[in-house]
Amino acid sequence: MITQFQEQSNLTEFLFYNPSVLAVYQSDQKDQFPLLNDVQALIQNIKVTYHITDSVDNLFIKVWSFIQGYGILIQNGAAKYDHKLLTNAATELIGVEHP
């Protein structure tokens, strides 16, 4: 997802910030937005795999914020994609030991 901010910036802009999508985020129809479903599945997998005690809601905020923040930095040329940095920052953020 992160690399898509650079490779398909218009698409990520649409998926994350389109007024229609913003309305979905705030509604009871979140399950009809595949990107949110994918992130929720990722969070469930992380929670079970790494025995995270943080709530699903807190993990969602952490993961979603990181995706958007790092993605925007890459999209705007303020940072370059760095897989090692991504891995280290993401694992620290959710409280998982470094691989």
Protein backbone atom coordinates (compact mmCIF):
# COMPACT_ATOMS: atom_id res chain seq x y z
CA MET A 1 0.00 0.00 0.00
CA ILE A 2 2.79 2.40 0.88
CA THR A 3 4.47 2.20 -2.52
CA GLN A 4 1.17 2.99 -4.23
CA PHE A 5 1.36 6.53 -2.85
CA GLN A 6 4.32 7.07 -5.18
CA GLU A 7 3.35 4.81 -8.06
CA GLN A 8 -0.34 5.75 -8.26
CA SER A 9 -0.69 9.01 -6.37
CA ASN A 10 -4.03 9.94 -7.94
CA LEU A 11 -5.52 6.60 -6.93
CA THR A 12 -4.30 6.85 -3.35
CA GLU A 13 -5.50 10.44 -3.15
CA PHE A 14 -8.93 9.23 -4.27
CA LEU A 15 -8.99 6.22 -1.93
CA PHE A 16 -7.91 8.10 1.16
CA TYR A 17 -9.28 11.62 0.76
CA ASN A 18 -12.21 11.60 -1.67
CA PRO A 19 -15.25 13.22 0.03
CA SER A 20 -17.38 10.17 -0.82
CA VAL A 21 -14.88 7.87 0.84
CA LEU A 22 -14.63 10.13 3.87
CA ALA A 23 -18.39 9.71 4.31
CA VAL A 24 -17.94 5.91 4.28
CA TYR A 25 -15.32 6.14 7.04
CA GLN A 26 -17.88 7.88 9.23
CA SER A 27 -20.82 5.60 8.44
CA ASP A 28 -21.99 2.12 9.31
CA GLN A 29 -21.05 1.00 5.78
CA LYS A 30 -17.31 0.58 6.45
CA ASP A 31 -17.54 -3.10 5.57
CA GLN A 32 -18.36 -2.13 1.97
CA PHE A 33 -14.99 -0.45 1.43
CA PRO A 34 -12.45 -3.13 0.40
CA LEU A 35 -9.39 -1.11 1.44
CA LEU A 36 -10.72 -0.79 4.99
CA ASN A 37 -11.58 -4.50 4.98
CA ASP A 38 -8.01 -5.34 3.96
CA VAL A 39 -6.56 -3.18 6.73
CA GLN A 40 -8.95 -4.69 9.28
CA ALA A 41 -7.91 -8.20 8.17
CA LEU A 42 -4.26 -7.19 8.48
CA ILE A 43 -4.89 -5.89 12.00
CA GLN A 44 -6.67 -9.08 13.05
CA ASN A 45 -3.77 -11.11 11.67
CA ILE A 46 -1.21 -8.96 13.53
CA LYS A 47 -3.19 -9.17 16.77
CA VAL A 48 -3.44 -12.97 16.67
CA THR A 49 0.03 -13.70 15.28
CA TYR A 50 1.92 -11.47 17.73
CA HIS A 51 -0.46 -11.75 20.70
CA ILE A 52 -1.02 -8.00 20.82
CA THR A 53 -3.03 -6.86 23.82
CA ASP A 54 -3.85 -3.47 22.33
CA SER A 55 -7.47 -3.12 21.17
CA VAL A 56 -8.39 -3.57 17.52
CA ASP A 57 -9.49 0.07 17.42
CA ASN A 58 -6.13 1.30 18.73
CA LEU A 59 -4.23 -0.92 16.31
CA PHE A 60 -6.38 0.35 13.45
CA ILE A 61 -5.56 3.97 14.29
CA LYS A 62 -1.85 3.18 14.55
CA VAL A 63 -1.70 1.20 11.29
CA TRP A 64 -3.98 3.53 9.29
CA SER A 65 -2.15 6.64 10.51
CA PHE A 66 1.22 5.14 9.67
CA ILE A 67 0.10 4.10 6.18
CA GLN A 68 -1.26 7.57 5.45
CA GLY A 69 1.58 9.50 7.03
CA TYR A 70 4.45 7.57 5.49
CA GLY A 71 2.59 7.34 2.19
CA ILE A 72 2.08 11.11 2.02
CA LEU A 73 5.76 11.74 2.76
CA ILE A 74 6.70 9.42 -0.10
CA GLN A 75 4.06 10.87 -2.42
CA ASN A 76 5.32 14.40 -1.85
CA GLY A 77 8.99 13.52 -2.19
CA ALA A 78 9.76 14.28 1.45
CA ALA A 79 10.90 10.68 2.00
CA LYS A 80 11.92 7.71 -0.12
CA TYR A 81 10.49 4.25 0.35
CA ASP A 82 12.75 2.27 2.63
CA HIS A 83 11.62 -1.28 3.43
CA LYS A 84 13.88 -1.59 6.48
CA LEU A 85 12.61 1.72 7.89
CA LEU A 86 9.03 0.66 7.17
CA THR A 87 9.50 -2.66 8.97
CA ASN A 88 11.26 -1.15 11.97
CA ALA A 89 8.82 1.74 12.40
CA ALA A 90 5.73 -0.41 11.94
CA THR A 91 6.85 -3.08 14.41
CA GLU A 92 7.79 -0.46 17.00
CA LEU A 93 4.48 1.31 16.52
CA ILE A 94 2.38 -1.77 17.19
CA GLY A 95 4.65 -3.11 19.91
CA VAL A 96 6.15 -6.13 18.19
CA GLU A 97 9.73 -7.27 18.65
CA HIS A 98 11.93 -6.61 15.63
CA PRO A 99 12.26 -9.63 13.37
